[in-house]
Each structure stands twice: as structure tokens, then as C-alpha cells.
């Protein structure tokens, strides 16, 4: 007959096991909390970017809507390109410094 060896587990082992598990879960909890904080900051930055892009889109939409009108086209032609009607007379103010540069 062979003797079977019996393993005796002392209460200290259970305490150690519980402490190791508690430390493990605490570390995992802290890591998860840090990840959530980083994701919240990223979401806030993305929300700001979305708001900026939407504001830009609204501005461009308004410009597109205004560009279709005759008054807008005429204003752009006059202000940006210097166009005038054939029967208009345009006066240009010249300062003294500009007059000296003329041949």
C-alpha cells in the first residue's frame, strides 16, 4: 500500500492569494480609469473640431447662397476685379508719394 501525500494549505496562503488578487484588480481599475480619462479628453477635442468645421461649413453655405445672386456677383466684380459699367467714370485718389513715382 502506498501512502498518498496530503497537501495542507494554510490560511496564510488564502490571505496572500486575496491580497494578490486585490492588487491585480486595483491596478487594472486604475489603468481603465486613466484610459477613460484620455478618451474623454480626446472626445472633447474632437467635439471642438466638429463645432469649428460645422461653423466653417455654415459660413461656406452662406457664401454659396449669396454668390448665386446678381448683386453678389456685381459686388465681387467691382471690389475684387475693378470692373465698371461702360458709362461710369471712376475717380482714383492719388497721394503725393504716388505722384513722385510716376514718370
C-alpha atoms as a PDB file:
ATOM      1  CA  UNK A   1       0.000   0.000   0.000  1.00  0.00           C
ATOM      2  CA  UNK A   2       1.304   3.369  -0.942  1.00  0.00           C
ATOM      3  CA  UNK A   3       0.806   6.401   1.124  1.00  0.00           C
ATOM      4  CA  UNK A   4      -0.736   9.402  -0.531  1.00  0.00           C
ATOM      5  CA  UNK A   5       0.753  12.666   0.410  1.00  0.00           C
ATOM      6  CA  UNK A   6      -1.787  15.130   1.637  1.00  0.00           C
ATOM      7  CA  UNK A   7      -1.304  18.812   0.815  1.00  0.00           C
ATOM      8  CA  UNK A   8      -2.127  21.149   3.628  1.00  0.00           C
ATOM      9  CA  UNK A   9      -2.984  24.704   2.712  1.00  0.00           C
ATOM     10  CA  UNK A  10      -2.519  27.174   5.492  1.00  0.00           C
ATOM     11  CA  UNK A  11      -4.748  30.208   5.989  1.00  0.00           C
ATOM     12  CA  UNK A  12      -1.776  32.476   5.212  1.00  0.00           C
ATOM     13  CA  UNK A  13      -1.891  31.218   1.617  1.00  0.00           C
ATOM     14  CA  UNK A  14      -5.523  32.310   1.254  1.00  0.00           C
ATOM     15  CA  UNK A  15      -4.707  35.739   2.667  1.00  0.00           C
ATOM     16  CA  UNK A  16      -1.791  36.084   0.259  1.00  0.00           C
ATOM     17  CA  UNK A  17      -3.965  34.941  -2.640  1.00  0.00           C
ATOM     18  CA  UNK A  18      -6.653  37.515  -1.769  1.00  0.00           C
ATOM     19  CA  UNK A  19      -4.031  40.286  -1.480  1.00  0.00           C
ATOM     20  CA  UNK A  20      -2.507  39.443  -4.856  1.00  0.00           C
ATOM     21  CA  UNK A  21      -5.963  39.413  -6.461  1.00  0.00           C
ATOM     22  CA  UNK A  22      -6.848  42.740  -4.818  1.00  0.00           C
ATOM     23  CA  UNK A  23      -3.633  44.344  -6.064  1.00  0.00           C
ATOM     24  CA  UNK A  24      -4.186  42.964  -9.561  1.00  0.00           C
ATOM     25  CA  UNK A  25      -7.738  44.292  -9.800  1.00  0.00           C
ATOM     26  CA  UNK A  26      -6.730  47.648  -8.322  1.00  0.00           C
ATOM     27  CA  UNK A  27      -4.032  48.089 -10.956  1.00  0.00           C
ATOM     28  CA  UNK A  28      -6.445  47.117 -13.726  1.00  0.00           C
ATOM     29  CA  UNK A  29      -9.049  49.559 -12.368  1.00  0.00           C
ATOM     30  CA  UNK A  30      -6.550  52.430 -12.304  1.00  0.00           C
ATOM     31  CA  UNK A  31      -5.436  51.629 -15.856  1.00  0.00           C
ATOM     32  CA  UNK A  32      -9.041  51.576 -17.057  1.00  0.00           C
ATOM     33  CA  UNK A  33      -9.734  54.898 -15.327  1.00  0.00           C
ATOM     34  CA  UNK A  34      -6.710  56.516 -16.999  1.00  0.00           C
ATOM     35  CA  UNK A  35      -7.831  55.188 -20.378  1.00  0.00           C
ATOM     36  CA  UNK A  36     -11.321  56.596 -19.843  1.00  0.00           C
ATOM     37  CA  UNK A  37      -9.871  60.000 -18.907  1.00  0.00           C
ATOM     38  CA  UNK A  38      -7.732  60.074 -22.034  1.00  0.00           C
ATOM     39  CA  UNK A  39     -10.689  59.088 -24.185  1.00  0.00           C
ATOM     40  CA  UNK A  40     -12.838  61.798 -22.586  1.00  0.00           C
ATOM     41  CA  UNK A  41     -10.168  64.417 -23.369  1.00  0.00           C
ATOM     42  CA  UNK A  42      -9.921  63.158 -26.940  1.00  0.00           C
ATOM     43  CA  UNK A  43     -13.704  63.315 -27.313  1.00  0.00           C
ATOM     44  CA  UNK A  44     -13.745  66.894 -26.022  1.00  0.00           C
ATOM     45  CA  UNK A  45     -11.078  67.900 -28.548  1.00  0.00           C
ATOM     46  CA  UNK A  46     -12.966  66.167 -31.347  1.00  0.00           C
ATOM     47  CA  UNK A  47     -16.206  67.897 -30.310  1.00  0.00           C
ATOM     48  CA  UNK A  48     -14.416  71.254 -30.573  1.00  0.00           C
ATOM     49  CA  UNK A  49     -13.079  70.337 -34.008  1.00  0.00           C
ATOM     50  CA  UNK A  50     -16.557  69.273 -35.129  1.00  0.00           C
ATOM     51  CA  UNK A  51     -18.002  72.589 -33.940  1.00  0.00           C
ATOM     52  CA  UNK A  52     -15.304  74.511 -35.832  1.00  0.00           C
ATOM     53  CA  UNK A  53     -15.876  72.522 -39.017  1.00  0.00           C
ATOM     54  CA  UNK A  54     -19.645  72.993 -38.774  1.00  0.00           C
ATOM     55  CA  UNK A  55     -19.192  76.744 -38.342  1.00  0.00           C
ATOM     56  CA  UNK A  56     -16.940  76.790 -41.404  1.00  0.00           C
ATOM     57  CA  UNK A  57     -19.486  74.767 -43.357  1.00  0.00           C
ATOM     58  CA  UNK A  58     -22.261  77.170 -42.376  1.00  0.00           C
ATOM     59  CA  UNK A  59     -20.133  80.102 -43.498  1.00  0.00           C
ATOM     60  CA  UNK A  60     -19.356  78.466 -46.834  1.00  0.00           C
ATOM     61  CA  UNK A  61     -23.008  77.553 -47.334  1.00  0.00           C
ATOM     62  CA  UNK A  62     -23.969  81.188 -46.775  1.00  0.00           C
ATOM     63  CA  UNK A  63     -21.303  82.319 -49.241  1.00  0.00           C
ATOM     64  CA  UNK A  64     -22.552  79.845 -51.845  1.00  0.00           C
ATOM     65  CA  UNK A  65     -26.116  81.019 -51.364  1.00  0.00           C
ATOM     66  CA  UNK A  66     -25.048  84.660 -51.686  1.00  0.00           C
ATOM     67  CA  UNK A  67     -22.823  84.001 -54.704  1.00  0.00           C
ATOM     68  CA  UNK A  68     -25.827  82.995 -56.753  1.00  0.00           C
ATOM     69  CA  UNK A  69     -27.390  86.445 -56.572  1.00  0.00           C
ATOM     70  CA  UNK A  70     -26.720  89.128 -59.187  1.00  0.00           C
ATOM     71  CA  UNK A  71     -25.921  91.714 -56.519  1.00  0.00           C
ATOM     72  CA  UNK A  72     -23.220  89.482 -55.063  1.00  0.00           C
ATOM     73  CA  UNK A  73     -21.646  88.861 -58.462  1.00  0.00           C
ATOM     74  CA  UNK A  74     -21.664  92.590 -59.240  1.00  0.00           C
ATOM     75  CA  UNK A  75     -20.137  93.456 -55.864  1.00  0.00           C
ATOM     76  CA  UNK A  76     -17.359  90.920 -56.325  1.00  0.00           C
ATOM     77  CA  UNK A  77     -16.658  92.138 -59.844  1.00  0.00           C
ATOM     78  CA  UNK A  78     -16.455  95.764 -58.727  1.00  0.00           C
ATOM     79  CA  UNK A  79     -14.488  95.273 -55.480  1.00  0.00           C
ATOM     80  CA  UNK A  80     -12.168  92.451 -56.414  1.00  0.00           C
ATOM     81  CA  UNK A  81     -11.714  92.916 -60.157  1.00  0.00           C
ATOM     82  CA  UNK A  82     -12.237  96.661 -60.503  1.00  0.00           C
ATOM     83  CA  UNK A  83     -14.940  96.360 -63.146  1.00  0.00           C
ATOM     84  CA  UNK A  84     -17.125  99.322 -64.007  1.00  0.00           C
ATOM     85  CA  UNK A  85     -20.013  99.945 -66.385  1.00  0.00           C
ATOM     86  CA  UNK A  86     -19.131 101.484 -69.737  1.00  0.00           C
ATOM     87  CA  UNK A  87     -20.913 104.749 -68.916  1.00  0.00           C
ATOM     88  CA  UNK A  88     -19.339 105.143 -65.452  1.00  0.00           C
ATOM     89  CA  UNK A  89     -16.486 107.482 -64.660  1.00  0.00           C
ATOM     90  CA  UNK A  90     -14.104 106.298 -61.949  1.00  0.00           C
ATOM     91  CA  UNK A  91     -12.026 108.719 -59.946  1.00  0.00           C
ATOM     92  CA  UNK A  92      -8.894 107.431 -58.239  1.00  0.00           C
ATOM     93  CA  UNK A  93      -7.381 109.386 -55.374  1.00  0.00           C
ATOM     94  CA  UNK A  94      -3.624 109.748 -55.698  1.00  0.00           C
ATOM     95  CA  UNK A  95      -1.443 110.770 -52.803  1.00  0.00           C
ATOM     96  CA  UNK A  96       1.713 112.857 -53.173  1.00  0.00           C
ATOM     97  CA  UNK A  97       4.073 109.906 -52.662  1.00  0.00           C
ATOM     98  CA  UNK A  98       2.485 108.095 -55.604  1.00  0.00           C
ATOM     99  CA  UNK A  99       2.808 111.144 -57.831  1.00  0.00           C
ATOM    100  CA  UNK A 100       6.567 111.231 -57.353  1.00  0.00           C
ATOM    101  CA  UNK A 101       6.880 107.632 -58.592  1.00  0.00           C
ATOM    102  CA  UNK A 102       5.147 108.456 -61.876  1.00  0.00           C
ATOM    103  CA  UNK A 103       7.408 109.093 -64.919  1.00  0.00           C
END
